[in-house]
Amino acid sequence: MLLPVRCFSCGKVLGHLWDQYDERQKSGEDAGEILTDLKIERYCCRRMFVSHVELIDDVAPFSTTREI
Protein backbone atom coordinates (compact mmCIF):
# COMPACT_ATOMS: atom_id res chain seq x y z
CA MET A 1 0.00 0.00 0.00
CA LEU A 2 1.31 3.46 0.80
CA LEU A 3 4.29 4.16 3.04
CA PRO A 4 3.09 5.13 6.51
CA VAL A 5 3.52 8.81 7.36
CA ARG A 6 5.37 8.03 10.60
CA CYS A 7 7.76 5.32 11.74
CA PHE A 8 5.91 2.63 13.69
CA SER A 9 8.53 2.51 16.46
CA CYS A 10 9.80 6.03 17.09
CA GLY A 11 7.16 8.22 15.42
CA LYS A 12 9.53 10.19 13.17
CA VAL A 13 7.78 11.69 10.13
CA LEU A 14 8.95 9.84 7.00
CA GLY A 15 6.16 10.06 4.43
CA HIS A 16 7.54 13.11 2.65
CA LEU A 17 10.80 11.30 1.82
CA TRP A 18 9.29 8.34 -0.05
CA ASP A 19 9.20 9.95 -3.51
CA GLN A 20 12.88 10.89 -3.36
CA TYR A 21 13.85 7.45 -2.11
CA ASP A 22 11.77 5.65 -4.76
CA GLU A 23 13.12 7.71 -7.68
CA ARG A 24 16.73 7.28 -6.60
CA GLN A 25 16.31 3.56 -5.99
CA LYS A 26 14.77 3.04 -9.43
CA SER A 27 17.73 4.87 -10.97
CA GLY A 28 20.01 2.19 -9.50
CA GLU A 29 21.47 3.78 -6.37
CA ASP A 30 22.20 1.72 -3.28
CA ALA A 31 19.38 1.83 -0.71
CA GLY A 32 21.76 2.32 2.21
CA GLU A 33 23.45 5.32 0.61
CA ILE A 34 20.10 6.90 -0.24
CA LEU A 35 18.86 6.57 3.33
CA THR A 36 22.10 8.02 4.69
CA ASP A 37 21.83 10.99 2.29
CA LEU A 38 18.22 11.54 3.40
CA LYS A 39 19.49 11.57 7.03
CA ILE A 40 17.54 8.48 8.07
CA GLU A 41 19.87 6.86 10.57
CA ARG A 42 17.71 4.90 13.01
CA TYR A 43 17.25 1.22 12.24
CA CYS A 44 13.52 1.41 12.84
CA CYS A 45 13.11 4.22 10.29
CA ARG A 46 15.36 2.55 7.72
CA ARG A 47 13.25 -0.58 8.06
CA MET A 48 10.17 1.37 6.99
CA PHE A 49 11.76 2.11 3.60
CA VAL A 50 13.65 -1.11 2.95
CA SER A 51 10.77 -3.43 3.82
CA HIS A 52 8.02 -1.43 2.08
CA VAL A 53 6.29 -3.12 -0.87
CA GLU A 54 4.29 -0.92 -3.23
CA LEU A 55 0.92 -2.67 -3.67
CA ILE A 56 -1.42 0.23 -4.42
CA ASP A 57 -1.49 -0.55 -8.17
CA ASP A 58 -2.48 -4.16 -7.44
CA VAL A 59 -5.21 -3.26 -4.93
CA ALA A 60 -6.73 -0.20 -6.64
CA PRO A 61 -8.86 -2.13 -9.21
CA PHE A 62 -10.69 -3.85 -6.35
CA SER A 63 -11.59 -0.63 -4.53
CA THR A 64 -14.56 0.23 -6.79
CA THR A 65 -18.08 -0.45 -5.64
CA ARG A 66 -19.58 -3.61 -7.07
CA GLU A 67 -23.24 -4.10 -7.84
CA ILE A 68 -24.76 -7.36 -6.60
PDB file of N, CA and C in Angstrom:
ATOM      1  N   MET A   1       0.839  -1.177   0.000  1.00  0.00           N
ATOM      2  CA  MET A   1       0.000   0.000   0.000  1.00  0.00           C
ATOM      3  C   MET A   1       0.886   1.243   0.000  1.00  0.00           C
ATOM      4  N   LEU A   2       0.538   2.233   0.744  1.00  0.00           N
ATOM      5  CA  LEU A   2       1.314   3.460   0.805  1.00  0.00           C
ATOM      6  C   LEU A   2       2.225   3.424   2.020  1.00  0.00           C
ATOM      7  N   LEU A   3       3.372   4.085   1.909  1.00  0.00           N
ATOM      8  CA  LEU A   3       4.292   4.163   3.038  1.00  0.00           C
ATOM      9  C   LEU A   3       3.617   4.918   4.176  1.00  0.00           C
ATOM     10  N   PRO A   4       3.671   4.400   5.388  1.00  0.00           N
ATOM     11  CA  PRO A   4       3.090   5.126   6.514  1.00  0.00           C
ATOM     12  C   PRO A   4       3.755   6.498   6.693  1.00  0.00           C
ATOM     13  N   VAL A   5       3.008   7.465   7.184  1.00  0.00           N
ATOM     14  CA  VAL A   5       3.522   8.815   7.361  1.00  0.00           C
ATOM     15  C   VAL A   5       4.591   8.851   8.441  1.00  0.00           C
ATOM     16  N   ARG A   6       4.413   8.047   9.492  1.00  0.00           N
ATOM     17  CA  ARG A   6       5.367   8.033  10.603  1.00  0.00           C
ATOM     18  C   ARG A   6       5.937   6.637  10.803  1.00  0.00           C
ATOM     19  N   CYS A   7       7.130   6.593  11.386  1.00  0.00           N
ATOM     20  CA  CYS A   7       7.757   5.325  11.742  1.00  0.00           C
ATOM     21  C   CYS A   7       6.915   4.657  12.825  1.00  0.00           C
ATOM     22  N   PHE A   8       6.726   3.344  12.709  1.00  0.00           N
ATOM     23  CA  PHE A   8       5.912   2.629  13.689  1.00  0.00           C
ATOM     24  C   PHE A   8       6.539   2.641  15.076  1.00  0.00           C
ATOM     25  N   SER A   9       7.851   2.621  15.169  1.00  0.00           N
ATOM     26  CA  SER A   9       8.530   2.505  16.459  1.00  0.00           C
ATOM     27  C   SER A   9       8.781   3.836  17.143  1.00  0.00           C
ATOM     28  N   CYS A  10       9.381   4.786  16.438  1.00  0.00           N
ATOM     29  CA  CYS A  10       9.795   6.030  17.087  1.00  0.00           C
ATOM     30  C   CYS A  10       8.891   7.221  16.784  1.00  0.00           C
ATOM     31  N   GLY A  11       8.087   7.141  15.729  1.00  0.00           N
ATOM     32  CA  GLY A  11       7.157   8.217  15.416  1.00  0.00           C
ATOM     33  C   GLY A  11       7.722   9.316  14.539  1.00  0.00           C
ATOM     34  N   LYS A  12       8.943   9.165  14.026  1.00  0.00           N
ATOM     35  CA  LYS A  12       9.529  10.186  13.169  1.00  0.00           C
ATOM     36  C   LYS A  12       8.741  10.273  11.862  1.00  0.00           C
ATOM     37  N   VAL A  13       8.520  11.483  11.375  1.00  0.00           N
ATOM     38  CA  VAL A  13       7.778  11.692  10.134  1.00  0.00           C
ATOM     39  C   VAL A  13       8.665  11.296   8.959  1.00  0.00           C
ATOM     40  N   LEU A  14       8.167  10.366   8.115  1.00  0.00           N
ATOM     41  CA  LEU A  14       8.947   9.840   7.002  1.00  0.00           C
ATOM     42  C   LEU A  14       8.235   9.931   5.657  1.00  0.00           C
ATOM     43  N   GLY A  15       6.957  10.139   5.646  1.00  0.00           N
ATOM     44  CA  GLY A  15       6.164  10.061   4.429  1.00  0.00           C
ATOM     45  C   GLY A  15       6.619  10.985   3.320  1.00  0.00           C
ATOM     46  N   HIS A  16       7.139  12.145   3.657  1.00  0.00           N
ATOM     47  CA  HIS A  16       7.541  13.114   2.646  1.00  0.00           C
ATOM     48  C   HIS A  16       8.832  12.723   1.925  1.00  0.00           C
ATOM     49  N   LEU A  17       9.538  11.721   2.412  1.00  0.00           N
ATOM     50  CA  LEU A  17      10.802  11.296   1.816  1.00  0.00           C
ATOM     51  C   LEU A  17      10.647  10.135   0.834  1.00  0.00           C
ATOM     52  N   TRP A  18       9.473   9.538   0.767  1.00  0.00           N
ATOM     53  CA  TRP A  18       9.294   8.344  -0.045  1.00  0.00           C
ATOM     54  C   TRP A  18       9.538   8.588  -1.534  1.00  0.00           C
ATOM     55  N   ASP A  19       9.042   9.688  -2.077  1.00  0.00           N
ATOM     56  CA  ASP A  19       9.201   9.952  -3.508  1.00  0.00           C
ATOM     57  C   ASP A  19      10.674  10.060  -3.897  1.00  0.00           C
ATOM     58  N   GLN A  20      11.448  10.766  -3.084  1.00  0.00           N
ATOM     59  CA  GLN A  20      12.881  10.893  -3.358  1.00  0.00           C
ATOM     60  C   GLN A  20      13.567   9.538  -3.301  1.00  0.00           C
ATOM     61  N   TYR A  21      13.244   8.770  -2.272  1.00  0.00           N
ATOM     62  CA  TYR A  21      13.846   7.448  -2.114  1.00  0.00           C
ATOM     63  C   TYR A  21      13.491   6.547  -3.291  1.00  0.00           C
ATOM     64  N   ASP A  22      12.243   6.526  -3.686  1.00  0.00           N
ATOM     65  CA  ASP A  22      11.767   5.651  -4.757  1.00  0.00           C
ATOM     66  C   ASP A  22      12.429   5.996  -6.092  1.00  0.00           C
ATOM     67  N   GLU A  23      12.498   7.286  -6.422  1.00  0.00           N
ATOM     68  CA  GLU A  23      13.122   7.710  -7.678  1.00  0.00           C
ATOM     69  C   GLU A  23      14.597   7.324  -7.725  1.00  0.00           C
ATOM     70  N   ARG A  24      15.295   7.577  -6.632  1.00  0.00           N
ATOM     71  CA  ARG A  24      16.727   7.284  -6.601  1.00  0.00           C
ATOM     72  C   ARG A  24      16.990   5.783  -6.623  1.00  0.00           C
ATOM     73  N   GLN A  25      16.129   5.009  -5.986  1.00  0.00           N
ATOM     74  CA  GLN A  25      16.306   3.561  -5.988  1.00  0.00           C
ATOM     75  C   GLN A  25      16.063   2.990  -7.380  1.00  0.00           C
ATOM     76  N   LYS A  26      15.054   3.503  -8.074  1.00  0.00           N
ATOM     77  CA  LYS A  26      14.765   3.042  -9.433  1.00  0.00           C
ATOM     78  C   LYS A  26      15.872   3.419 -10.411  1.00  0.00           C
ATOM     79  N   SER A  27      16.622   4.478 -10.101  1.00  0.00           N
ATOM     80  CA  SER A  27      17.732   4.869 -10.969  1.00  0.00           C
ATOM     81  C   SER A  27      18.976   4.011 -10.727  1.00  0.00           C
ATOM     82  N   GLY A  28      18.926   3.143  -9.709  1.00  0.00           N
ATOM     83  CA  GLY A  28      20.009   2.188  -9.500  1.00  0.00           C
ATOM     84  C   GLY A  28      20.919   2.471  -8.326  1.00  0.00           C
ATOM     85  N   GLU A  29      20.624   3.484  -7.528  1.00  0.00           N
ATOM     86  CA  GLU A  29      21.472   3.783  -6.374  1.00  0.00           C
ATOM     87  C   GLU A  29      21.267   2.751  -5.271  1.00  0.00           C
ATOM     88  N   ASP A  30      22.257   2.634  -4.412  1.00  0.00           N
ATOM     89  CA  ASP A  30      22.197   1.719  -3.278  1.00  0.00           C
ATOM     90  C   ASP A  30      21.242   2.270  -2.218  1.00  0.00           C
ATOM     91  N   ALA A  31      20.383   1.405  -1.687  1.00  0.00           N
ATOM     92  CA  ALA A  31      19.376   1.834  -0.712  1.00  0.00           C
ATOM     93  C   ALA A  31      20.015   2.414   0.545  1.00  0.00           C
ATOM     94  N   GLY A  32      21.092   1.825   1.004  1.00  0.00           N
ATOM     95  CA  GLY A  32      21.762   2.320   2.208  1.00  0.00           C
ATOM     96  C   GLY A  32      22.312   3.720   2.038  1.00  0.00           C
ATOM     97  N   GLU A  33      22.902   3.985   0.880  1.00  0.00           N
ATOM     98  CA  GLU A  33      23.447   5.321   0.612  1.00  0.00           C
ATOM     99  C   GLU A  33      22.336   6.363   0.501  1.00  0.00           C
ATOM    100  N   ILE A  34      21.231   5.976  -0.102  1.00  0.00           N
ATOM    101  CA  ILE A  34      20.105   6.897  -0.238  1.00  0.00           C
ATOM    102  C   ILE A  34      19.584   7.287   1.139  1.00  0.00           C
ATOM    103  N   LEU A  35      19.390   6.300   1.998  1.00  0.00           N
ATOM    104  CA  LEU A  35      18.859   6.570   3.332  1.00  0.00           C
ATOM    105  C   LEU A  35      19.820   7.425   4.150  1.00  0.00           C
ATOM    106  N   THR A  36      21.109   7.204   3.985  1.00  0.00           N
ATOM    107  CA  THR A  36      22.097   8.021   4.689  1.00  0.00           C
ATOM    108  C   THR A  36      22.050   9.458   4.176  1.00  0.00           C
ATOM    109  N   ASP A  37      21.925   9.652   2.860  1.00  0.00           N
ATOM    110  CA  ASP A  37      21.825  10.995   2.289  1.00  0.00           C
ATOM    111  C   ASP A  37      20.561  11.712   2.753  1.00  0.00           C
ATOM    112  N   LEU A  38      19.482  10.955   2.933  1.00  0.00           N
ATOM    113  CA  LEU A  38      18.220  11.540   3.404  1.00  0.00           C
ATOM    114  C   LEU A  38      18.200  11.740   4.917  1.00  0.00           C
ATOM    115  N   LYS A  39      19.312  11.417   5.569  1.00  0.00           N
ATOM    116  CA  LYS A  39      19.490  11.566   7.025  1.00  0.00           C
ATOM    117  C   LYS A  39      18.524  10.690   7.824  1.00  0.00           C
ATOM    118  N   ILE A  40      18.329   9.469   7.341  1.00  0.00           N
ATOM    119  CA  ILE A  40      17.537   8.480   8.065  1.00  0.00           C
ATOM    120  C   ILE A  40      18.531   7.495   8.658  1.00  0.00           C
ATOM    121  N   GLU A  41      18.800   7.630   9.954  1.00  0.00           N
ATOM    122  CA  GLU A  41      19.872   6.865  10.570  1.00  0.00           C
ATOM    123  C   GLU A  41      19.392   5.772  11.518  1.00  0.00           C
ATOM    124  N   ARG A  42      18.213   5.917  12.079  1.00  0.00           N
ATOM    125  CA  ARG A  42      17.713   4.902  13.011  1.00  0.00           C
ATOM    126  C   ARG A  42      17.315   3.640  12.265  1.00  0.00           C
ATOM    127  N   TYR A  43      17.589   2.499  12.874  1.00  0.00           N
ATOM    128  CA  TYR A  43      17.253   1.222  12.242  1.00  0.00           C
ATOM    129  C   TYR A  43      15.753   1.079  12.025  1.00  0.00           C
ATOM    130  N   CYS A  44      14.971   1.558  12.973  1.00  0.00           N
ATOM    131  CA  CYS A  44      13.523   1.407  12.841  1.00  0.00           C
ATOM    132  C   CYS A  44      12.997   2.204  11.651  1.00  0.00           C
ATOM    133  N   CYS A  45      13.551   3.386  11.407  1.00  0.00           N
ATOM    134  CA  CYS A  45      13.108   4.217  10.290  1.00  0.00           C
ATOM    135  C   CYS A  45      13.594   3.650   8.960  1.00  0.00           C
ATOM    136  N   ARG A  46      14.818   3.139   8.943  1.00  0.00           N
ATOM    137  CA  ARG A  46      15.357   2.551   7.723  1.00  0.00           C
ATOM    138  C   ARG A  46      14.537   1.329   7.320  1.00  0.00           C
ATOM    139  N   ARG A  47      14.080   0.603   8.324  1.00  0.00           N
ATOM    140  CA  ARG A  47      13.255  -0.577   8.063  1.00  0.00           C
ATOM    141  C   ARG A  47      11.983  -0.212   7.317  1.00  0.00           C
ATOM    142  N   MET A  48      11.415   0.951   7.624  1.00  0.00           N
ATOM    143  CA  MET A  48      10.175   1.371   6.987  1.00  0.00           C
ATOM    144  C   MET A  48      10.348   1.498   5.470  1.00  0.00           C
ATOM    145  N   PHE A  49      11.504   1.947   5.024  1.00  0.00           N
ATOM    146  CA  PHE A  49      11.759   2.107   3.598  1.00  0.00           C
ATOM    147  C   PHE A  49      12.168   0.801   2.941  1.00  0.00           C
ATOM    148  N   VAL A  50      13.087   0.089   3.569  1.00  0.00           N
ATOM    149  CA  VAL A  50      13.651  -1.106   2.955  1.00  0.00           C
ATOM    150  C   VAL A  50      12.612  -2.226   2.847  1.00  0.00           C
ATOM    151  N   SER A  51      11.729  -2.338   3.818  1.00  0.00           N
ATOM    152  CA  SER A  51      10.768  -3.434   3.821  1.00  0.00           C
ATOM    153  C   SER A  51       9.437  -3.088   3.151  1.00  0.00           C
ATOM    154  N   HIS A  52       9.283  -1.848   2.685  1.00  0.00           N
ATOM    155  CA  HIS A  52       8.019  -1.431   2.080  1.00  0.00           C
ATOM    156  C   HIS A  52       7.837  -2.053   0.697  1.00  0.00           C
ATOM    157  N   VAL A  53       6.638  -2.560   0.427  1.00  0.00           N
ATOM    158  CA  VAL A  53       6.287  -3.120  -0.872  1.00  0.00           C
ATOM    159  C   VAL A  53       5.127  -2.304  -1.431  1.00  0.00           C
ATOM    160  N   GLU A  54       5.303  -1.760  -2.612  1.00  0.00           N
ATOM    161  CA  GLU A  54       4.287  -0.915  -3.235  1.00  0.00           C
ATOM    162  C   GLU A  54       3.190  -1.791  -3.845  1.00  0.00           C
ATOM    163  N   LEU A  55       2.016  -1.829  -3.214  1.00  0.00           N
ATOM    164  CA  LEU A  55       0.916  -2.669  -3.665  1.00  0.00           C
ATOM    165  C   LEU A  55      -0.301  -1.885  -4.141  1.00  0.00           C
ATOM    166  N   ILE A  56      -0.238  -0.565  -4.115  1.00  0.00           N
ATOM    167  CA  ILE A  56      -1.420   0.231  -4.421  1.00  0.00           C
ATOM    168  C   ILE A  56      -1.943  -0.035  -5.833  1.00  0.00           C
ATOM    169  N   ASP A  57      -1.053  -0.279  -6.799  1.00  0.00           N
ATOM    170  CA  ASP A  57      -1.494  -0.550  -8.173  1.00  0.00           C
ATOM    171  C   ASP A  57      -2.198  -1.898  -8.285  1.00  0.00           C
ATOM    172  N   ASP A  58      -1.841  -2.847  -7.425  1.00  0.00           N
ATOM    173  CA  ASP A  58      -2.481  -4.161  -7.438  1.00  0.00           C
ATOM    174  C   ASP A  58      -3.838  -4.147  -6.743  1.00  0.00           C
ATOM    175  N   VAL A  59      -4.002  -3.294  -5.733  1.00  0.00           N
ATOM    176  CA  VAL A  59      -5.215  -3.265  -4.927  1.00  0.00           C
ATOM    177  C   VAL A  59      -6.254  -2.293  -5.491  1.00  0.00           C
ATOM    178  N   ALA A  60      -5.834  -1.258  -6.168  1.00  0.00           N
ATOM    179  CA  ALA A  60      -6.730  -0.199  -6.639  1.00  0.00           C
ATOM    180  C   ALA A  60      -7.908  -0.713  -7.498  1.00  0.00           C
ATOM    181  N   PRO A  61      -7.714  -1.678  -8.409  1.00  0.00           N
ATOM    182  CA  PRO A  61      -8.864  -2.134  -9.209  1.00  0.00           C
ATOM    183  C   PRO A  61      -9.992  -2.745  -8.372  1.00  0.00           C
ATOM    184  N   PHE A  62      -9.683  -3.213  -7.188  1.00  0.00           N
ATOM    185  CA  PHE A  62     -10.690  -3.848  -6.348  1.00  0.00           C
ATOM    186  C   PHE A  62     -11.382  -2.878  -5.413  1.00  0.00           C
ATOM    187  N   SER A  63     -11.013  -1.599  -5.458  1.00  0.00           N
ATOM    188  CA  SER A  63     -11.588  -0.630  -4.531  1.00  0.00           C
ATOM    189  C   SER A  63     -12.883   0.008  -5.057  1.00  0.00           C
ATOM    190  N   THR A  64     -13.320  -0.334  -6.266  1.00  0.00           N
ATOM    191  CA  THR A  64     -14.559   0.228  -6.787  1.00  0.00           C
ATOM    192  C   THR A  64     -15.749  -0.513  -6.213  1.00  0.00           C
ATOM    193  N   THR A  65     -16.869   0.146  -6.165  1.00  0.00           N
ATOM    194  CA  THR A  65     -18.085  -0.446  -5.637  1.00  0.00           C
ATOM    195  C   THR A  65     -18.659  -1.424  -6.651  1.00  0.00           C
ATOM    196  N   ARG A  66     -19.006  -2.600  -6.184  1.00  0.00           N
ATOM    197  CA  ARG A  66     -19.580  -3.607  -7.065  1.00  0.00           C
ATOM    198  C   ARG A  66     -21.080  -3.704  -6.852  1.00  0.00           C
ATOM    199  N   GLU A  67     -21.801  -3.902  -7.938  1.00  0.00           N
ATOM    200  CA  GLU A  67     -23.244  -4.104  -7.835  1.00  0.00           C
ATOM    201  C   GLU A  67     -23.506  -5.591  -7.695  1.00  0.00           C
ATOM    202  N   ILE A  68     -24.455  -5.948  -6.850  1.00  0.00           N
ATOM    203  CA  ILE A  68     -24.756  -7.363  -6.605  1.00  0.00           C
ATOM    204  C   ILE A  68     -25.885  -7.812  -7.482  1.00  0.00           C
TER     205      ILE A  68
END
